[in-house]
Amino acid sequence: MNTLKIKTVVVAFLLGFSNLVAASNELPLDKKEVMTTITKDVQKLLKNSELNLTNTEKATVKIMINNKNEIVVLSVETNSAVVDTFVKSRLNYKKISTKTASEVFILPIKILGIK
């Protein structure tokens, strides 16, 4: 009888633990899928710029996603102060469509000039 009680307690514990594990957040996407989604979201946010650039400007942007699913711009490496300000204003604290762990993502950006 005593072993029956122990087995019942063990089974109950295992069932409770498996429910806890199954109830955790969604399964994380692999890194390539996350990067693709973030890149698409950033492209949408930077689209339709009102900048009057004569040349194409390039930048490297380091971002992180916070626990509210918002982009946090860590740095913008560019030769243009206008592009720096534009990228930060368009991206900082904007929501994205995917959840990911706090990790630094580095994105190359190209802003086309007027032809």
Protein backbone atom coordinates (compact mmCIF):
# COMPACT_ATOMS: atom_id res chain seq x y z
CA MET A 1 0.00 0.00 0.00
CA ASN A 2 2.85 2.35 0.85
CA THR A 3 4.47 1.89 -2.59
CA LEU A 4 1.12 2.64 -4.24
CA LYS A 5 1.01 6.03 -2.47
CA ILE A 6 4.60 6.77 -3.50
CA LYS A 7 3.87 5.82 -7.12
CA THR A 8 0.75 8.00 -7.10
CA VAL A 9 2.70 10.98 -5.75
CA VAL A 10 5.46 10.48 -8.34
CA VAL A 11 2.95 10.24 -11.21
CA ALA A 12 1.12 13.34 -9.97
CA PHE A 13 4.42 15.22 -9.75
CA LEU A 14 5.44 14.17 -13.26
CA LEU A 15 2.07 15.17 -14.71
CA GLY A 16 2.24 18.56 -13.00
CA PHE A 17 5.80 19.11 -14.18
CA SER A 18 4.99 18.12 -17.78
CA ASN A 19 2.05 20.55 -17.80
CA LEU A 20 4.34 23.30 -16.53
CA VAL A 21 6.86 22.63 -19.29
CA ALA A 22 4.15 22.41 -21.96
CA ALA A 23 2.60 25.71 -20.78
CA SER A 24 5.81 27.67 -21.28
CA ASN A 25 6.07 30.27 -24.04
CA GLU A 26 5.91 29.39 -27.69
CA LEU A 27 8.74 27.40 -29.11
CA PRO A 28 11.47 29.81 -30.18
CA LEU A 29 12.08 30.13 -33.88
CA ASP A 30 15.49 29.28 -35.17
CA LYS A 31 17.93 32.17 -35.49
CA LYS A 32 17.61 32.43 -39.29
CA GLU A 33 13.82 32.79 -39.13
CA VAL A 34 14.08 35.39 -36.36
CA MET A 35 16.65 37.39 -38.33
CA THR A 36 14.48 37.26 -41.47
CA THR A 37 11.44 38.50 -39.56
CA ILE A 38 13.38 41.29 -37.85
CA THR A 39 14.89 42.37 -41.18
CA LYS A 40 11.43 42.56 -42.80
CA ASP A 41 10.04 44.56 -39.88
CA VAL A 42 12.98 46.99 -40.02
CA GLN A 43 12.52 47.41 -43.79
CA LYS A 44 8.86 48.33 -43.25
CA LEU A 45 9.75 50.84 -40.54
CA LEU A 46 12.43 52.53 -42.67
CA LYS A 47 10.32 52.62 -45.84
CA ASN A 48 9.15 55.91 -47.34
CA SER A 49 11.85 58.12 -45.91
CA GLU A 50 11.52 61.82 -46.47
CA LEU A 51 15.28 62.29 -46.64
CA ASN A 52 16.70 64.25 -49.55
CA LEU A 53 19.95 62.36 -49.96
CA THR A 54 21.90 62.78 -53.17
CA ASN A 55 23.92 59.60 -52.63
CA THR A 56 23.09 56.18 -51.31
CA GLU A 57 24.01 56.00 -47.64
CA LYS A 58 25.04 52.82 -45.84
CA ALA A 59 24.83 52.13 -42.14
CA THR A 60 25.33 49.28 -39.73
CA VAL A 61 22.72 49.18 -36.99
CA LYS A 62 23.04 47.25 -33.74
CA ILE A 63 19.68 46.55 -32.15
CA MET A 64 18.24 44.52 -29.33
CA ILE A 65 14.66 43.39 -28.72
CA ASN A 66 13.37 44.10 -25.21
CA ASN A 67 10.82 42.08 -23.23
CA LYS A 68 7.99 44.27 -24.61
CA ASN A 69 8.90 43.14 -28.15
CA GLU A 70 10.28 46.57 -29.02
CA ILE A 71 13.44 47.44 -30.93
CA VAL A 72 16.12 49.20 -28.90
CA VAL A 73 18.77 50.83 -31.10
CA LEU A 74 22.17 50.36 -29.50
CA SER A 75 24.24 52.09 -32.17
CA VAL A 76 24.20 53.32 -35.75
CA GLU A 77 27.52 53.32 -37.56
CA THR A 78 27.34 55.74 -40.47
CA ASN A 79 29.12 58.78 -41.87
CA SER A 80 25.90 60.80 -41.98
CA ALA A 81 24.37 62.43 -38.92
CA VAL A 82 21.08 62.73 -40.83
CA VAL A 83 20.94 58.97 -41.42
CA ASP A 84 21.87 58.32 -37.77
CA THR A 85 19.01 60.47 -36.52
CA PHE A 86 16.56 59.07 -39.09
CA VAL A 87 17.29 55.42 -38.25
CA LYS A 88 17.08 56.00 -34.50
CA SER A 89 13.81 57.92 -34.76
CA ARG A 90 12.20 55.31 -37.02
CA LEU A 91 13.32 52.21 -35.11
CA ASN A 92 13.73 53.02 -31.42
CA TYR A 93 10.97 51.43 -29.29
CA LYS A 94 8.89 50.30 -32.28
CA LYS A 95 7.18 46.92 -31.90
CA ILE A 96 8.13 43.95 -34.05
CA SER A 97 6.13 40.87 -34.98
CA THR A 98 8.34 38.16 -33.44
CA LYS A 99 9.39 37.29 -29.92
CA THR A 100 13.03 36.60 -29.28
CA ALA A 101 15.48 36.46 -26.44
CA SER A 102 17.46 39.59 -25.62
CA GLU A 103 20.25 39.32 -28.12
CA VAL A 104 22.20 41.84 -30.17
CA PHE A 105 21.37 41.83 -33.88
CA ILE A 106 23.55 43.60 -36.43
CA LEU A 107 21.80 44.80 -39.57
CA PRO A 108 23.36 46.39 -42.63
CA ILE A 109 21.13 49.16 -43.97
CA LYS A 110 21.22 51.00 -47.28
CA ILE A 111 19.19 54.17 -47.80
CA LEU A 112 18.86 55.09 -51.44
CA GLY A 113 19.49 58.64 -52.55
CA ILE A 114 17.39 60.61 -55.04
CA LYS A 115 18.33 59.89 -58.64
